[in-house]
Amino acid sequence: MNDAIRKADVLIEALSYIRTFRDKLTVIKLGGSAMEDADALRATLQDVVFMETVGLRPVLVHGGGKPIDRAMAAAGLEPRKVQGRRFTDGATLDIVVRVLRDEVNAGVVRGIRDLGGRAVGLHTGPLQCLFGEQLLLPGTDGRPIDLGRVGRVTRVDRPLIEDFCKAGVVPVIPSIALDDAGGWLNVNADTAAAAVAAHLQVEKLVFLSDTPGILHDLRDEESLVRSLDAAGCRDLIGRGVIDTGMIPKVEACLDSLRAGVKKTHMIDGRLRHSLLLEIYTDRGVGTEIVLAH
């Protein structure tokens, strides 16, 4: 009986959050072990199905760096990075599109359906929802750096995504966009998720990664920073606490907040049911980033 009462207490704690976020859109960026480990992915997708069932409208955005690396190795291609981004020539692009669209995306959609949810991959023909332009990075000599078929999102088909959400279907979006000529562009998944969140003006943007959030000391998970504003982010970047790998995620959070997203979260995709713990409990489990406290 005590165990049953504890379960009831948990449901009561979640009730206010369910009411607050009902019918609100949340963009979730899948990455790291949350996608690589089968058990972690299943737990994450269970959270997504729960969210949709109680009326919070999740939208999933994903990349697939490790599966792409494996497919490139199998094809005898060596990955090349420029300022942390994958240089994408024609052969690389073919692999990126195939892996993201036909393998990773299809697997996530299938996983949600296997758990009793409803999902659709938005990436082909009339279901394409991300559009963009080629991305050129500034070089040290003042000349732009050509990354090949790497792009940034300039337009999101908001009505298409919202229609599926209203119908109780979870949109699953790979980080590839079409340019004006109808060609594919490889987009960084963090920035793609931030762009989707900004265009949809969502309630929350959640990044699932391989760390508990932002740590004061990378060797000590107890040093988790539970809440940060823009000034705090700049301070930690300046002091080197937020390092190279985390900086793009933090910048994506801040960009989306400036565009109207209410709150952003960085949580550990390895922790079972971390999504539900962050959204539906008083304490939360990751780092919340806001523009100002």
C-alpha atoms as a PDB file:
ATOM      1  CA  MET A   1       0.000   0.000   0.000  1.00  0.00           C
ATOM      2  CA  ASN A   2       2.826   2.430   0.837  1.00  0.00           C
ATOM      3  CA  ASP A   3       4.332   1.804  -2.589  1.00  0.00           C
ATOM      4  CA  ALA A   4       0.971   2.539  -4.222  1.00  0.00           C
ATOM      5  CA  ILE A   5       0.649   5.748  -2.204  1.00  0.00           C
ATOM      6  CA  ARG A   6       4.123   6.886  -3.315  1.00  0.00           C
ATOM      7  CA  LYS A   7       3.109   6.317  -6.932  1.00  0.00           C
ATOM      8  CA  ALA A   8      -0.032   8.383  -6.362  1.00  0.00           C
ATOM      9  CA  ASP A   9       2.083  11.164  -4.823  1.00  0.00           C
ATOM     10  CA  VAL A  10       4.264  11.201  -7.950  1.00  0.00           C
ATOM     11  CA  LEU A  11       1.201  11.536 -10.154  1.00  0.00           C
ATOM     12  CA  ILE A  12      -0.110  14.405  -8.030  1.00  0.00           C
ATOM     13  CA  GLU A  13       3.266  16.163  -8.266  1.00  0.00           C
ATOM     14  CA  ALA A  14       3.126  15.807 -12.047  1.00  0.00           C
ATOM     15  CA  LEU A  15      -0.463  17.068 -12.278  1.00  0.00           C
ATOM     16  CA  SER A  16       0.322  20.787 -12.139  1.00  0.00           C
ATOM     17  CA  TYR A  17       2.978  20.397 -14.833  1.00  0.00           C
ATOM     18  CA  ILE A  18       0.623  18.384 -17.038  1.00  0.00           C
ATOM     19  CA  ARG A  19      -1.944  21.165 -16.749  1.00  0.00           C
ATOM     20  CA  THR A  20       0.648  23.903 -17.375  1.00  0.00           C
ATOM     21  CA  PHE A  21       2.128  22.325 -20.496  1.00  0.00           C
ATOM     22  CA  ARG A  22      -0.973  20.726 -21.988  1.00  0.00           C
ATOM     23  CA  ASP A  23      -1.178  21.447 -25.741  1.00  0.00           C
ATOM     24  CA  LYS A  24       2.205  23.242 -25.603  1.00  0.00           C
ATOM     25  CA  LEU A  25       4.929  22.304 -28.095  1.00  0.00           C
ATOM     26  CA  THR A  26       8.291  20.968 -26.892  1.00  0.00           C
ATOM     27  CA  VAL A  27      11.223  20.353 -29.236  1.00  0.00           C
ATOM     28  CA  ILE A  28      13.512  17.513 -28.146  1.00  0.00           C
ATOM     29  CA  LYS A  29      16.921  17.102 -29.747  1.00  0.00           C
ATOM     30  CA  LEU A  30      18.001  13.458 -29.645  1.00  0.00           C
ATOM     31  CA  GLY A  31      21.730  12.845 -29.510  1.00  0.00           C
ATOM     32  CA  GLY A  32      24.590  10.922 -27.942  1.00  0.00           C
ATOM     33  CA  SER A  33      23.876   7.775 -25.953  1.00  0.00           C
ATOM     34  CA  ALA A  34      20.158   8.556 -26.007  1.00  0.00           C
ATOM     35  CA  MET A  35      20.300   7.300 -29.596  1.00  0.00           C
ATOM     36  CA  GLU A  36      23.229   4.860 -29.557  1.00  0.00           C
ATOM     37  CA  ASP A  37      22.141   2.710 -26.613  1.00  0.00           C
ATOM     38  CA  ALA A  38      19.021   0.660 -27.361  1.00  0.00           C
ATOM     39  CA  ASP A  39      17.759   0.685 -23.764  1.00  0.00           C
ATOM     40  CA  ALA A  40      18.348   4.438 -23.374  1.00  0.00           C
ATOM     41  CA  LEU A  41      16.561   5.140 -26.658  1.00  0.00           C
ATOM     42  CA  ARG A  42      13.598   2.978 -25.684  1.00  0.00           C
ATOM     43  CA  ALA A  43      13.291   4.782 -22.319  1.00  0.00           C
ATOM     44  CA  THR A  44      13.467   8.162 -24.071  1.00  0.00           C
ATOM     45  CA  LEU A  45      10.798   7.169 -26.574  1.00  0.00           C
ATOM     46  CA  GLN A  46       8.615   5.893 -23.718  1.00  0.00           C
ATOM     47  CA  ASP A  47       8.879   9.392 -22.241  1.00  0.00           C
ATOM     48  CA  VAL A  48       7.902  10.904 -25.592  1.00  0.00           C
ATOM     49  CA  VAL A  49       4.846   8.633 -25.880  1.00  0.00           C
ATOM     50  CA  PHE A  50       3.853   9.544 -22.299  1.00  0.00           C
ATOM     51  CA  MET A  51       4.210  13.263 -23.074  1.00  0.00           C
ATOM     52  CA  GLU A  52       2.015  12.996 -26.140  1.00  0.00           C
ATOM     53  CA  THR A  53      -0.554  10.889 -24.285  1.00  0.00           C
ATOM     54  CA  VAL A  54      -1.025  13.501 -21.537  1.00  0.00           C
ATOM     55  CA  GLY A  55      -1.276  16.341 -24.046  1.00  0.00           C
ATOM     56  CA  LEU A  56       2.208  17.852 -24.245  1.00  0.00           C
ATOM     57  CA  ARG A  57       3.102  18.013 -27.936  1.00  0.00           C
ATOM     58  CA  PRO A  58       6.655  16.713 -28.497  1.00  0.00           C
ATOM     59  CA  VAL A  59       8.616  17.330 -31.713  1.00  0.00           C
ATOM     60  CA  LEU A  60      11.801  15.286 -32.183  1.00  0.00           C
ATOM     61  CA  VAL A  61      14.869  16.526 -34.097  1.00  0.00           C
ATOM     62  CA  HIS A  62      17.857  14.230 -34.532  1.00  0.00           C
ATOM     63  CA  GLY A  63      21.261  13.904 -36.120  1.00  0.00           C
ATOM     64  CA  GLY A  64      23.309  10.746 -36.393  1.00  0.00           C
ATOM     65  CA  GLY A  65      27.032  11.466 -36.176  1.00  0.00           C
ATOM     66  CA  LYS A  66      28.224   8.033 -35.086  1.00  0.00           C
ATOM     67  CA  PRO A  67      26.097   6.020 -37.567  1.00  0.00           C
ATOM     68  CA  ILE A  68      27.286   8.365 -40.326  1.00  0.00           C
ATOM     69  CA  ASP A  69      30.927   7.824 -39.294  1.00  0.00           C
ATOM     70  CA  ARG A  70      30.401   4.060 -39.396  1.00  0.00           C
ATOM     71  CA  ALA A  71      28.760   4.212 -42.836  1.00  0.00           C
ATOM     72  CA  MET A  72      31.589   6.402 -44.155  1.00  0.00           C
ATOM     73  CA  ALA A  73      34.192   3.975 -42.821  1.00  0.00           C
ATOM     74  CA  ALA A  74      32.368   1.082 -44.499  1.00  0.00           C
ATOM     75  CA  ALA A  75      32.487   3.048 -47.775  1.00  0.00           C
ATOM     76  CA  GLY A  76      36.194   3.786 -47.352  1.00  0.00           C
ATOM     77  CA  LEU A  77      35.663   7.507 -46.747  1.00  0.00           C
ATOM     78  CA  GLU A  78      37.585   9.492 -44.124  1.00  0.00           C
ATOM     79  CA  PRO A  79      35.513  12.058 -42.175  1.00  0.00           C
ATOM     80  CA  ARG A  80      36.902  15.583 -42.362  1.00  0.00           C
ATOM     81  CA  LYS A  81      36.013  18.269 -39.848  1.00  0.00           C
ATOM     82  CA  VAL A  82      36.338  22.033 -40.359  1.00  0.00           C
ATOM     83  CA  GLN A  83      35.811  24.147 -37.228  1.00  0.00           C
ATOM     84  CA  GLY A  84      33.933  21.249 -35.685  1.00  0.00           C
ATOM     85  CA  ARG A  85      31.607  20.715 -38.653  1.00  0.00           C
ATOM     86  CA  ARG A  86      31.620  17.793 -41.058  1.00  0.00           C
ATOM     87  CA  PHE A  87      32.917  18.797 -44.512  1.00  0.00           C
ATOM     88  CA  THR A  88      30.253  17.419 -46.831  1.00  0.00           C
ATOM     89  CA  ASP A  89      31.130  16.612 -50.425  1.00  0.00           C
ATOM     90  CA  GLY A  90      28.797  14.741 -52.756  1.00  0.00           C
ATOM     91  CA  ALA A  91      29.757  11.251 -51.594  1.00  0.00           C
ATOM     92  CA  THR A  92      29.497  12.229 -47.942  1.00  0.00           C
ATOM     93  CA  LEU A  93      26.127  13.902 -48.503  1.00  0.00           C
ATOM     94  CA  ASP A  94      24.688  10.743 -50.065  1.00  0.00           C
ATOM     95  CA  ILE A  95      25.659   8.801 -46.940  1.00  0.00           C
ATOM     96  CA  VAL A  96      24.376  11.514 -44.569  1.00  0.00           C
ATOM     97  CA  VAL A  97      20.954  11.611 -46.237  1.00  0.00           C
ATOM     98  CA  ARG A  98      20.633   7.832 -46.448  1.00  0.00           C
ATOM     99  CA  VAL A  99      21.650   7.231 -42.834  1.00  0.00           C
ATOM    100  CA  LEU A 100      19.569  10.051 -41.331  1.00  0.00           C
ATOM    101  CA  ARG A 101      16.448   9.522 -43.403  1.00  0.00           C
ATOM    102  CA  ASP A 102      16.317   5.803 -44.121  1.00  0.00           C
ATOM    103  CA  GLU A 103      18.003   4.365 -41.018  1.00  0.00           C
ATOM    104  CA  VAL A 104      17.964   6.653 -37.969  1.00  0.00           C
ATOM    105  CA  ASN A 105      14.667   8.413 -38.669  1.00  0.00           C
ATOM    106  CA  ALA A 106      12.895   5.225 -39.692  1.00  0.00           C
ATOM    107  CA  GLY A 107      14.176   3.520 -36.534  1.00  0.00           C
ATOM    108  CA  VAL A 108      12.902   6.286 -34.232  1.00  0.00           C
ATOM    109  CA  VAL A 109       9.468   6.338 -35.901  1.00  0.00           C
ATOM    110  CA  ARG A 110       9.259   2.555 -35.657  1.00  0.00           C
ATOM    111  CA  GLY A 111      10.314   2.682 -31.989  1.00  0.00           C
ATOM    112  CA  ILE A 112       7.526   5.119 -31.097  1.00  0.00           C
ATOM    113  CA  ARG A 113       4.951   3.006 -32.906  1.00  0.00           C
ATOM    114  CA  ASP A 114       6.160  -0.165 -31.185  1.00  0.00           C
ATOM    115  CA  LEU A 115       5.472   1.576 -27.849  1.00  0.00           C
ATOM    116  CA  GLY A 116       1.902   2.378 -28.827  1.00  0.00           C
ATOM    117  CA  GLY A 117       2.488   5.944 -29.978  1.00  0.00           C
ATOM    118  CA  ARG A 118       1.984   7.567 -33.355  1.00  0.00           C
ATOM    119  CA  ALA A 119       4.844   9.168 -35.282  1.00  0.00           C
ATOM    120  CA  VAL A 120       5.784  10.352 -38.751  1.00  0.00           C
ATOM    121  CA  GLY A 121       9.121  11.164 -40.369  1.00  0.00           C
ATOM    122  CA  LEU A 122       9.101  14.633 -41.936  1.00  0.00           C
ATOM    123  CA  HIS A 123      11.738  14.575 -44.647  1.00  0.00           C
ATOM    124  CA  THR A 124      10.417  13.658 -48.093  1.00  0.00           C
ATOM    125  CA  GLY A 125       8.345  15.357 -50.790  1.00  0.00           C
ATOM    126  CA  PRO A 126       5.242  17.045 -49.305  1.00  0.00           C
ATOM    127  CA  LEU A 127       6.444  16.023 -45.819  1.00  0.00           C
ATOM    128  CA  GLN A 128       9.715  17.958 -46.066  1.00  0.00           C
ATOM    129  CA  CYS A 129       9.711  20.624 -43.348  1.00  0.00           C
ATOM    130  CA  LEU A 130      13.258  22.070 -43.206  1.00  0.00           C
ATOM    131  CA  PHE A 131      14.576  24.442 -45.863  1.00  0.00           C
ATOM    132  CA  GLY A 132      17.889  26.248 -45.904  1.00  0.00           C
ATOM    133  CA  GLU A 133      20.909  27.732 -47.575  1.00  0.00           C
ATOM    134  CA  GLN A 134      24.580  26.877 -47.779  1.00  0.00           C
ATOM    135  CA  LEU A 135      26.588  27.794 -44.696  1.00  0.00           C
ATOM    136  CA  LEU A 136      29.900  29.596 -45.082  1.00  0.00           C
ATOM    137  CA  LEU A 137      32.086  30.072 -42.003  1.00  0.00           C
ATOM    138  CA  PRO A 138      34.302  33.152 -41.582  1.00  0.00           C
ATOM    139  CA  GLY A 139      37.975  32.323 -42.089  1.00  0.00           C
ATOM    140  CA  THR A 140      40.909  33.821 -40.212  1.00  0.00           C
ATOM    141  CA  ASP A 141      42.021  35.600 -43.387  1.00  0.00           C
ATOM    142  CA  GLY A 142      38.613  37.171 -43.880  1.00  0.00           C
ATOM    143  CA  ARG A 143      37.648  34.791 -46.663  1.00  0.00           C
ATOM    144  CA  PRO A 144      34.615  32.513 -46.205  1.00  0.00           C
ATOM    145  CA  ILE A 145      35.292  28.824 -45.606  1.00  0.00           C
ATOM    146  CA  ASP A 146      33.398  26.498 -47.939  1.00  0.00           C
ATOM    147  CA  LEU A 147      32.108  23.402 -46.090  1.00  0.00           C
ATOM    148  CA  GLY A 148      30.571  21.826 -49.174  1.00  0.00           C
ATOM    149  CA  ARG A 149      26.924  20.813 -48.814  1.00  0.00           C
ATOM    150  CA  VAL A 150      26.624  22.072 -45.237  1.00  0.00           C
ATOM    151  CA  GLY A 151      23.727  24.413 -44.561  1.00  0.00           C
ATOM    152  CA  ARG A 152      21.669  26.314 -42.051  1.00  0.00           C
ATOM    153  CA  VAL A 153      17.896  26.349 -41.675  1.00  0.00           C
ATOM    154  CA  THR A 154      16.189  29.471 -43.014  1.00  0.00           C
ATOM    155  CA  ARG A 155      12.578  28.259 -43.105  1.00  0.00           C
ATOM    156  CA  VAL A 156      10.478  25.690 -41.258  1.00  0.00           C
ATOM    157  CA  ASP A 157       7.069  24.468 -42.433  1.00  0.00           C
ATOM    158  CA  ARG A 158       5.305  25.349 -39.198  1.00  0.00           C
ATOM    159  CA  PRO A 159       1.735  24.450 -40.280  1.00  0.00           C
ATOM    160  CA  LEU A 160       2.850  20.973 -41.366  1.00  0.00           C
ATOM    161  CA  ILE A 161       4.449  20.238 -37.989  1.00  0.00           C
ATOM    162  CA  GLU A 162       1.571  21.744 -36.022  1.00  0.00           C
ATOM    163  CA  ASP A 163      -1.026  19.753 -37.968  1.00  0.00           C
ATOM    164  CA  PHE A 164       0.578  16.459 -36.982  1.00  0.00           C
ATOM    165  CA  CYS A 165       0.988  17.589 -33.362  1.00  0.00           C
ATOM    166  CA  LYS A 166      -2.698  18.548 -33.139  1.00  0.00           C
ATOM    167  CA  ALA A 167      -3.596  15.105 -34.488  1.00  0.00           C
ATOM    168  CA  GLY A 168      -1.571  13.404 -31.740  1.00  0.00           C
ATOM    169  CA  VAL A 169       1.221  12.323 -34.091  1.00  0.00           C
ATOM    170  CA  VAL A 170       4.857  12.939 -33.081  1.00  0.00           C
ATOM    171  CA  PRO A 171       6.901  14.609 -35.870  1.00  0.00           C
ATOM    172  CA  VAL A 172      10.410  13.135 -36.182  1.00  0.00           C
ATOM    173  CA  ILE A 173      12.739  15.429 -38.140  1.00  0.00           C
ATOM    174  CA  PRO A 174      16.256  14.584 -39.395  1.00  0.00           C
ATOM    175  CA  SER A 175      18.823  17.393 -39.562  1.00  0.00           C
ATOM    176  CA  ILE A 176      18.825  17.780 -43.344  1.00  0.00           C
ATOM    177  CA  ALA A 177      17.289  20.649 -45.303  1.00  0.00           C
ATOM    178  CA  LEU A 178      16.461  21.400 -48.917  1.00  0.00           C
ATOM    179  CA  ASP A 179      17.914  24.442 -50.677  1.00  0.00           C
ATOM    180  CA  ASP A 180      16.121  26.559 -53.288  1.00  0.00           C
ATOM    181  CA  ALA A 181      17.399  24.292 -56.061  1.00  0.00           C
ATOM    182  CA  GLY A 182      15.986  21.189 -54.403  1.00  0.00           C
ATOM    183  CA  GLY A 183      19.360  19.859 -53.251  1.00  0.00           C
ATOM    184  CA  TRP A 184      20.077  18.427 -49.804  1.00  0.00           C
ATOM    185  CA  LEU A 185      22.073  20.258 -47.146  1.00  0.00           C
ATOM    186  CA  ASN A 186      23.697  18.681 -44.093  1.00  0.00           C
ATOM    187  CA  VAL A 187      22.699  20.727 -41.024  1.00  0.00           C
ATOM    188  CA  ASN A 188      24.161  20.587 -37.518  1.00  0.00           C
ATOM    189  CA  ALA A 189      21.486  18.873 -35.409  1.00  0.00           C
ATOM    190  CA  ASP A 190      21.778  21.300 -32.480  1.00  0.00           C
ATOM    191  CA  THR A 191      21.229  24.336 -34.677  1.00  0.00           C
ATOM    192  CA  ALA A 192      18.456  22.542 -36.579  1.00  0.00           C
ATOM    193  CA  ALA A 193      16.628  21.837 -33.319  1.00  0.00           C
ATOM    194  CA  ALA A 194      17.061  25.468 -32.227  1.00  0.00           C
ATOM    195  CA  ALA A 195      15.703  26.677 -35.582  1.00  0.00           C
ATOM    196  CA  VAL A 196      12.639  24.430 -35.327  1.00  0.00           C
ATOM    197  CA  ALA A 197      12.020  25.602 -31.756  1.00  0.00           C
ATOM    198  CA  ALA A 198      12.362  29.256 -32.756  1.00  0.00           C
ATOM    199  CA  HIS A 199      10.059  29.003 -35.783  1.00  0.00           C
ATOM    200  CA  LEU A 200       7.416  27.165 -33.750  1.00  0.00           C
ATOM    201  CA  GLN A 201       7.792  29.488 -30.733  1.00  0.00           C
ATOM    202  CA  VAL A 202       7.737  26.425 -28.489  1.00  0.00           C
ATOM    203  CA  GLU A 203       7.378  26.278 -24.714  1.00  0.00           C
ATOM    204  CA  LYS A 204      10.558  24.227 -24.227  1.00  0.00           C
ATOM    205  CA  LEU A 205      13.659  23.135 -26.138  1.00  0.00           C
ATOM    206  CA  VAL A 206      15.394  20.110 -24.608  1.00  0.00           C
ATOM    207  CA  PHE A 207      18.845  18.834 -25.580  1.00  0.00           C
ATOM    208  CA  LEU A 208      19.604  15.217 -24.687  1.00  0.00           C
ATOM    209  CA  SER A 209      23.352  14.597 -24.455  1.00  0.00           C
ATOM    210  CA  ASP A 210      25.969  12.462 -22.686  1.00  0.00           C
ATOM    211  CA  THR A 211      26.409  14.696 -19.641  1.00  0.00           C
ATOM    212  CA  PRO A 212      24.062  15.537 -16.733  1.00  0.00           C
ATOM    213  CA  GLY A 213      24.029  19.151 -17.948  1.00  0.00           C
ATOM    214  CA  ILE A 214      26.553  21.946 -17.414  1.00  0.00           C
ATOM    215  CA  LEU A 215      29.101  21.066 -14.725  1.00  0.00           C
ATOM    216  CA  HIS A 216      31.411  23.409 -12.810  1.00  0.00           C
ATOM    217  CA  ASP A 217      33.830  20.461 -12.669  1.00  0.00           C
ATOM    218  CA  LEU A 218      33.664  17.890 -15.471  1.00  0.00           C
ATOM    219  CA  ARG A 219      35.001  15.238 -13.079  1.00  0.00           C
ATOM    220  CA  ASP A 220      32.256  15.831 -10.519  1.00  0.00           C
ATOM    221  CA  GLU A 221      28.616  15.273 -11.473  1.00  0.00           C
ATOM    222  CA  GLU A 222      27.598  16.809  -8.140  1.00  0.00           C
ATOM    223  CA  SER A 223      28.812  20.164  -9.491  1.00  0.00           C
ATOM    224  CA  LEU A 224      25.805  20.393 -11.816  1.00  0.00           C
ATOM    225  CA  VAL A 225      24.626  23.941 -12.532  1.00  0.00           C
ATOM    226  CA  ARG A 226      20.841  23.712 -12.269  1.00  0.00           C
ATOM    227  CA  SER A 227      19.963  27.106 -13.748  1.00  0.00           C
ATOM    228  CA  LEU A 228      21.834  29.611 -15.909  1.00  0.00           C
ATOM    229  CA  ASP A 229      20.968  32.859 -17.641  1.00  0.00           C
ATOM    230  CA  ALA A 230      22.708  34.400 -20.665  1.00  0.00           C
ATOM    231  CA  ALA A 231      25.161  36.381 -18.510  1.00  0.00           C
ATOM    232  CA  GLY A 232      26.042  33.254 -16.556  1.00  0.00           C
ATOM    233  CA  CYS A 233      26.631  31.327 -19.788  1.00  0.00           C
ATOM    234  CA  ARG A 234      28.992  34.009 -21.083  1.00  0.00           C
ATOM    235  CA  ASP A 235      30.851  33.993 -17.778  1.00  0.00           C
ATOM    236  CA  LEU A 236      31.331  30.205 -17.790  1.00  0.00           C
ATOM    237  CA  ILE A 237      32.409  30.227 -21.446  1.00  0.00           C
ATOM    238  CA  GLY A 238      34.939  32.950 -20.673  1.00  0.00           C
ATOM    239  CA  ARG A 239      36.331  30.946 -17.756  1.00  0.00           C
ATOM    240  CA  GLY A 240      36.523  27.751 -19.812  1.00  0.00           C
ATOM    241  CA  VAL A 241      33.965  25.918 -17.657  1.00  0.00           C
ATOM    242  CA  ILE A 242      31.744  25.489 -20.715  1.00  0.00           C
ATOM    243  CA  ASP A 243      34.205  23.933 -23.160  1.00  0.00           C
ATOM    244  CA  THR A 244      34.372  23.545 -26.932  1.00  0.00           C
ATOM    245  CA  GLY A 245      31.969  20.625 -27.244  1.00  0.00           C
ATOM    246  CA  MET A 246      29.266  22.271 -25.141  1.00  0.00           C
ATOM    247  CA  ILE A 247      29.545  25.804 -26.544  1.00  0.00           C
ATOM    248  CA  PRO A 248      27.470  25.129 -29.732  1.00  0.00           C
ATOM    249  CA  LYS A 249      24.633  23.652 -27.637  1.00  0.00           C
ATOM    250  CA  VAL A 250      24.638  26.615 -25.252  1.00  0.00           C
ATOM    251  CA  GLU A 251      24.704  29.073 -28.160  1.00  0.00           C
ATOM    252  CA  ALA A 252      21.810  27.205 -29.787  1.00  0.00           C
ATOM    253  CA  CYS A 253      19.865  27.518 -26.513  1.00  0.00           C
ATOM    254  CA  LEU A 254      20.499  31.259 -26.307  1.00  0.00           C
ATOM    255  CA  ASP A 255      19.625  31.819 -29.985  1.00  0.00           C
ATOM    256  CA  SER A 256      16.296  30.053 -29.555  1.00  0.00           C
ATOM    257  CA  LEU A 257      15.506  31.987 -26.360  1.00  0.00           C
ATOM    258  CA  ARG A 258      16.152  35.292 -28.132  1.00  0.00           C
ATOM    259  CA  ALA A 259      13.755  34.121 -30.865  1.00  0.00           C
ATOM    260  CA  GLY A 260      10.937  33.566 -28.387  1.00  0.00           C
ATOM    261  CA  VAL A 261      11.374  30.055 -26.948  1.00  0.00           C
ATOM    262  CA  LYS A 262      10.303  30.128 -23.282  1.00  0.00           C
ATOM    263  CA  LYS A 263      12.882  27.790 -21.682  1.00  0.00           C
ATOM    264  CA  THR A 264      15.703  25.492 -22.737  1.00  0.00           C
ATOM    265  CA  HIS A 265      17.082  22.455 -20.938  1.00  0.00           C
ATOM    266  CA  MET A 266      20.223  20.327 -21.225  1.00  0.00           C
ATOM    267  CA  ILE A 267      19.802  16.871 -19.706  1.00  0.00           C
ATOM    268  CA  ASP A 268      21.483  13.459 -19.620  1.00  0.00           C
ATOM    269  CA  GLY A 269      20.072  11.108 -22.236  1.00  0.00           C
ATOM    270  CA  ARG A 270      21.772   8.185 -20.452  1.00  0.00           C
ATOM    271  CA  LEU A 271      19.562   8.657 -17.376  1.00  0.00           C
ATOM    272  CA  ARG A 272      16.429   6.566 -17.616  1.00  0.00           C
ATOM    273  CA  HIS A 273      13.319   8.741 -18.070  1.00  0.00           C
ATOM    274  CA  SER A 274      15.338  11.954 -17.773  1.00  0.00           C
ATOM    275  CA  LEU A 275      12.791  13.764 -19.948  1.00  0.00           C
ATOM    276  CA  LEU A 276       9.937  13.087 -17.543  1.00  0.00           C
ATOM    277  CA  LEU A 277      12.087  13.881 -14.522  1.00  0.00           C
ATOM    278  CA  GLU A 278      13.058  17.260 -15.974  1.00  0.00           C
ATOM    279  CA  ILE A 279       9.607  18.327 -17.125  1.00  0.00           C
ATOM    280  CA  TYR A 280       7.229  16.759 -14.607  1.00  0.00           C
ATOM    281  CA  THR A 281       9.027  16.965 -11.244  1.00  0.00           C
ATOM    282  CA  ASP A 282       9.749  19.863  -8.901  1.00  0.00           C
ATOM    283  CA  ARG A 283      13.515  19.317  -8.823  1.00  0.00           C
ATOM    284  CA  GLY A 284      14.406  18.396 -12.408  1.00  0.00           C
ATOM    285  CA  VAL A 285      17.622  16.663 -13.426  1.00  0.00           C
ATOM    286  CA  GLY A 286      19.545  18.886 -15.840  1.00  0.00           C
ATOM    287  CA  THR A 287      20.542  22.469 -16.516  1.00  0.00           C
ATOM    288  CA  GLU A 288      17.840  25.005 -17.310  1.00  0.00           C
ATOM    289  CA  ILE A 289      18.959  27.958 -19.446  1.00  0.00           C
ATOM    290  CA  VAL A 290      16.935  31.173 -19.598  1.00  0.00           C
ATOM    291  CA  LEU A 291      17.708  34.651 -20.951  1.00  0.00           C
ATOM    292  CA  ALA A 292      17.566  36.325 -17.542  1.00  0.00           C
ATOM    293  CA  HIS A 293      16.668  35.344 -13.994  1.00  0.00           C
END
